[in-house]
Amino acid sequence: MLWTPRTVPRLPFGRILLRWEPASKAGWDVTARLGLATTDVHLATWPAADDDWPGLIRPTLREVTGLCSALAVATSALDFANRLAES
């Protein structure tokens, strides 16, 4: 995960940005964004999550972190295969 100010133009690949703000009635509005190679994507929103919101979102973030790791390995393998094919 990454802590950044709101003014950051783009997230690095594989980084997850969490933003939480007090909900209008109770709890927290939590939003997660994911940095991909060419863009950031909205990953999820948990509106009015209770005060234990880290426990609520942890499984989703763990899955996304694993997916990013798998994408990084696959990208490295493809780059390596392309270098071997060129030589």
N, C-alpha and C. Protein backbone atom coordinates (compact mmCIF):
# COMPACT_ATOMS: atom_id res chain seq x y z
N MET A 1 0.83 -1.17 0.00
CA MET A 1 0.00 0.00 0.00
C MET A 1 0.88 1.23 0.00
N LEU A 2 0.28 2.34 -0.33
CA LEU A 2 1.03 3.57 -0.49
C LEU A 2 0.26 4.72 0.12
N TRP A 3 0.95 5.55 0.84
CA TRP A 3 0.36 6.76 1.39
C TRP A 3 0.82 7.92 0.52
N THR A 4 -0.11 8.62 -0.11
CA THR A 4 0.26 9.74 -0.97
C THR A 4 -0.72 10.89 -0.76
N PRO A 5 -0.29 12.10 -1.08
CA PRO A 5 -1.25 13.21 -1.04
C PRO A 5 -2.23 13.09 -2.20
N ARG A 6 -3.33 13.78 -2.09
CA ARG A 6 -4.34 13.73 -3.15
C ARG A 6 -3.84 14.24 -4.49
N THR A 7 -2.79 15.03 -4.48
CA THR A 7 -2.30 15.66 -5.70
C THR A 7 -1.43 14.75 -6.55
N VAL A 8 -1.15 13.54 -6.11
CA VAL A 8 -0.30 12.64 -6.88
C VAL A 8 -1.00 12.33 -8.21
N PRO A 9 -0.30 12.56 -9.34
CA PRO A 9 -0.96 12.38 -10.63
C PRO A 9 -1.29 10.92 -10.97
N ARG A 10 -0.37 9.99 -10.64
CA ARG A 10 -0.61 8.59 -10.97
C ARG A 10 0.11 7.70 -9.98
N LEU A 11 -0.48 6.56 -9.70
CA LEU A 11 0.14 5.60 -8.78
C LEU A 11 1.16 4.74 -9.52
N PRO A 12 2.22 4.32 -8.86
CA PRO A 12 3.14 3.36 -9.47
C PRO A 12 2.45 2.00 -9.66
N PHE A 13 2.95 1.22 -10.61
CA PHE A 13 2.38 -0.09 -10.90
C PHE A 13 2.31 -0.96 -9.64
N GLY A 14 1.15 -1.56 -9.44
CA GLY A 14 0.97 -2.49 -8.34
C GLY A 14 0.71 -1.86 -6.99
N ARG A 15 0.67 -0.54 -6.91
CA ARG A 15 0.42 0.12 -5.64
C ARG A 15 -1.08 0.34 -5.44
N ILE A 16 -1.49 0.25 -4.21
CA ILE A 16 -2.89 0.45 -3.85
C ILE A 16 -2.98 1.72 -3.01
N LEU A 17 -3.88 2.59 -3.38
CA LEU A 17 -4.10 3.82 -2.65
C LEU A 17 -5.43 3.73 -1.92
N LEU A 18 -5.41 3.93 -0.61
CA LEU A 18 -6.63 3.94 0.19
C LEU A 18 -6.95 5.37 0.58
N ARG A 19 -8.21 5.71 0.50
CA ARG A 19 -8.65 7.01 0.99
C ARG A 19 -9.87 6.78 1.85
N TRP A 20 -9.87 7.35 3.03
CA TRP A 20 -11.04 7.22 3.89
C TRP A 20 -11.42 8.59 4.42
N GLU A 21 -12.72 8.79 4.46
CA GLU A 21 -13.28 10.05 4.95
C GLU A 21 -14.48 9.72 5.81
N PRO A 22 -14.80 10.56 6.78
CA PRO A 22 -16.00 10.29 7.59
C PRO A 22 -17.25 10.21 6.71
N ALA A 23 -18.06 9.20 6.95
CA ALA A 23 -19.32 9.04 6.19
C ALA A 23 -20.32 10.08 6.68
N SER A 24 -21.33 10.33 5.88
CA SER A 24 -22.28 11.39 6.22
C SER A 24 -23.06 11.09 7.51
N LYS A 25 -23.39 9.83 7.76
CA LYS A 25 -24.18 9.51 8.96
C LYS A 25 -23.33 8.84 10.04
N ALA A 26 -22.56 7.81 9.67
CA ALA A 26 -21.72 7.11 10.64
C ALA A 26 -20.68 6.30 9.88
N GLY A 27 -19.57 6.02 10.52
CA GLY A 27 -18.53 5.19 9.92
C GLY A 27 -17.65 5.98 8.95
N TRP A 28 -17.13 5.25 7.97
CA TRP A 28 -16.16 5.82 7.04
C TRP A 28 -16.50 5.43 5.61
N ASP A 29 -16.30 6.36 4.69
CA ASP A 29 -16.36 6.04 3.26
C ASP A 29 -14.93 5.73 2.84
N VAL A 30 -14.68 4.48 2.44
CA VAL A 30 -13.34 4.04 2.08
C VAL A 30 -13.32 3.74 0.58
N THR A 31 -12.29 4.24 -0.10
CA THR A 31 -12.12 4.01 -1.52
C THR A 31 -10.72 3.48 -1.76
N ALA A 32 -10.58 2.51 -2.67
CA ALA A 32 -9.28 1.96 -3.02
C ALA A 32 -9.07 2.12 -4.52
N ARG A 33 -7.85 2.57 -4.88
CA ARG A 33 -7.44 2.68 -6.28
C ARG A 33 -6.20 1.82 -6.48
N LEU A 34 -6.04 1.30 -7.69
CA LEU A 34 -4.93 0.42 -8.01
C LEU A 34 -4.15 1.02 -9.17
N GLY A 35 -2.82 1.10 -9.03
CA GLY A 35 -1.97 1.59 -10.10
C GLY A 35 -1.60 0.45 -11.04
N LEU A 36 -1.96 0.61 -12.32
CA LEU A 36 -1.56 -0.34 -13.35
C LEU A 36 -0.48 0.29 -14.22
N ALA A 37 -0.02 -0.43 -15.22
CA ALA A 37 1.10 0.05 -16.03
C ALA A 37 0.82 1.38 -16.71
N THR A 38 -0.39 1.58 -17.20
CA THR A 38 -0.68 2.80 -17.95
C THR A 38 -1.73 3.69 -17.34
N THR A 39 -2.38 3.26 -16.27
CA THR A 39 -3.45 4.06 -15.68
C THR A 39 -3.71 3.63 -14.24
N ASP A 40 -4.53 4.37 -13.55
CA ASP A 40 -5.05 3.98 -12.24
C ASP A 40 -6.48 3.52 -12.43
N VAL A 41 -6.89 2.53 -11.68
CA VAL A 41 -8.28 2.06 -11.76
C VAL A 41 -8.93 2.11 -10.38
N HIS A 42 -10.21 2.36 -10.40
CA HIS A 42 -11.00 2.32 -9.17
C HIS A 42 -11.17 0.86 -8.81
N LEU A 43 -10.68 0.48 -7.67
CA LEU A 43 -10.71 -0.92 -7.25
C LEU A 43 -12.00 -1.24 -6.51
N ALA A 44 -12.34 -0.42 -5.54
CA ALA A 44 -13.53 -0.71 -4.74
C ALA A 44 -13.90 0.50 -3.90
N THR A 45 -15.15 0.51 -3.44
CA THR A 45 -15.65 1.50 -2.50
C THR A 45 -16.44 0.79 -1.43
N TRP A 46 -16.19 1.17 -0.20
CA TRP A 46 -16.94 0.64 0.93
C TRP A 46 -17.62 1.83 1.60
N PRO A 47 -18.87 2.12 1.25
CA PRO A 47 -19.54 3.28 1.86
C PRO A 47 -19.99 2.97 3.29
N ALA A 48 -19.84 3.94 4.15
CA ALA A 48 -20.29 3.86 5.54
C ALA A 48 -19.78 2.60 6.25
N ALA A 49 -18.50 2.27 6.02
CA ALA A 49 -17.89 1.13 6.72
C ALA A 49 -17.75 1.48 8.21
N ASP A 50 -17.90 0.48 9.06
CA ASP A 50 -17.79 0.76 10.49
C ASP A 50 -16.35 1.05 10.89
N ASP A 51 -16.11 1.27 12.16
CA ASP A 51 -14.78 1.64 12.62
C ASP A 51 -13.75 0.54 12.44
N ASP A 52 -14.19 -0.68 12.21
CA ASP A 52 -13.27 -1.79 11.96
C ASP A 52 -13.07 -2.00 10.46
N TRP A 53 -13.07 -0.91 9.69
CA TRP A 53 -12.98 -1.06 8.24
C TRP A 53 -11.70 -1.73 7.76
N PRO A 54 -10.54 -1.63 8.44
CA PRO A 54 -9.38 -2.37 7.94
C PRO A 54 -9.63 -3.89 7.88
N GLY A 55 -10.34 -4.42 8.86
CA GLY A 55 -10.66 -5.84 8.82
C GLY A 55 -11.61 -6.20 7.68
N LEU A 56 -12.44 -5.27 7.31
CA LEU A 56 -13.40 -5.48 6.22
C LEU A 56 -12.71 -5.53 4.86
N ILE A 57 -11.73 -4.66 4.63
CA ILE A 57 -11.14 -4.57 3.30
C ILE A 57 -9.88 -5.41 3.12
N ARG A 58 -9.30 -5.89 4.21
CA ARG A 58 -8.04 -6.64 4.13
C ARG A 58 -8.08 -7.81 3.15
N PRO A 59 -9.13 -8.66 3.13
CA PRO A 59 -9.13 -9.78 2.18
C PRO A 59 -9.08 -9.32 0.71
N THR A 60 -9.79 -8.26 0.39
CA THR A 60 -9.78 -7.75 -0.98
C THR A 60 -8.39 -7.25 -1.35
N LEU A 61 -7.77 -6.51 -0.46
CA LEU A 61 -6.44 -5.98 -0.74
C LEU A 61 -5.41 -7.09 -0.87
N ARG A 62 -5.54 -8.13 -0.08
CA ARG A 62 -4.63 -9.27 -0.17
C ARG A 62 -4.75 -9.95 -1.54
N GLU A 63 -5.98 -10.11 -2.03
CA GLU A 63 -6.19 -10.71 -3.35
C GLU A 63 -5.60 -9.84 -4.45
N VAL A 64 -5.80 -8.55 -4.37
CA VAL A 64 -5.29 -7.64 -5.39
C VAL A 64 -3.77 -7.61 -5.36
N THR A 65 -3.17 -7.62 -4.19
CA THR A 65 -1.72 -7.63 -4.09
C THR A 65 -1.15 -8.90 -4.72
N GLY A 66 -1.80 -10.03 -4.49
CA GLY A 66 -1.37 -11.28 -5.13
C GLY A 66 -1.50 -11.23 -6.64
N LEU A 67 -2.58 -10.64 -7.13
CA LEU A 67 -2.77 -10.49 -8.57
C LEU A 67 -1.68 -9.61 -9.18
N CYS A 68 -1.34 -8.52 -8.52
CA CYS A 68 -0.29 -7.63 -9.02
C CYS A 68 1.06 -8.35 -9.05
N SER A 69 1.33 -9.14 -8.04
CA SER A 69 2.58 -9.91 -8.03
C SER A 69 2.62 -10.89 -9.20
N ALA A 70 1.50 -11.56 -9.45
CA ALA A 70 1.44 -12.50 -10.57
C ALA A 70 1.61 -11.78 -11.91
N LEU A 71 1.01 -10.61 -12.05
CA LEU A 71 1.17 -9.83 -13.29
C LEU A 71 2.62 -9.39 -13.48
N ALA A 72 3.28 -9.01 -12.40
CA ALA A 72 4.68 -8.58 -12.49
C ALA A 72 5.57 -9.75 -12.93
N VAL A 73 5.34 -10.94 -12.38
CA VAL A 73 6.12 -12.12 -12.77
C VAL A 73 5.85 -12.47 -14.23
N ALA A 74 4.58 -12.44 -14.65
CA ALA A 74 4.25 -12.75 -16.04
C ALA A 74 4.88 -11.74 -17.00
N THR A 75 4.86 -10.47 -16.63
CA THR A 75 5.47 -9.45 -17.47
C THR A 75 6.97 -9.66 -17.60
N SER A 76 7.63 -9.97 -16.50
CA SER A 76 9.07 -10.23 -16.53
C SER A 76 9.38 -11.45 -17.39
N ALA A 77 8.58 -12.49 -17.28
CA ALA A 77 8.79 -13.69 -18.09
C ALA A 77 8.62 -13.39 -19.58
N LEU A 78 7.62 -12.60 -19.93
CA LEU A 78 7.43 -12.23 -21.33
C LEU A 78 8.57 -11.37 -21.85
N ASP A 79 9.04 -10.43 -21.04
CA ASP A 79 10.18 -9.60 -21.44
C ASP A 79 11.42 -10.46 -21.67
N PHE A 80 11.65 -11.40 -20.77
CA PHE A 80 12.80 -12.30 -20.91
C PHE A 80 12.68 -13.15 -22.16
N ALA A 81 11.49 -13.70 -22.41
CA ALA A 81 11.27 -14.51 -23.62
C ALA A 81 11.50 -13.69 -24.88
N ASN A 82 11.05 -12.43 -24.88
CA ASN A 82 11.26 -11.58 -26.04
C ASN A 82 12.75 -11.28 -26.27
N ARG A 83 13.49 -11.06 -25.18
CA ARG A 83 14.93 -10.83 -25.32
C ARG A 83 15.64 -12.06 -25.88
N LEU A 84 15.22 -13.25 -25.41
CA LEU A 84 15.83 -14.49 -25.92
C LEU A 84 15.50 -14.68 -27.40
N ALA A 85 14.29 -14.35 -27.81
CA ALA A 85 13.88 -14.52 -29.20
C ALA A 85 14.64 -13.55 -30.12
N GLU A 86 15.02 -12.39 -29.59
CA GLU A 86 15.73 -11.41 -30.42
C GLU A 86 17.20 -11.75 -30.59
N SER A 87 17.75 -12.56 -29.68
CA SER A 87 19.19 -12.86 -29.78
C SER A 87 19.47 -14.17 -30.47
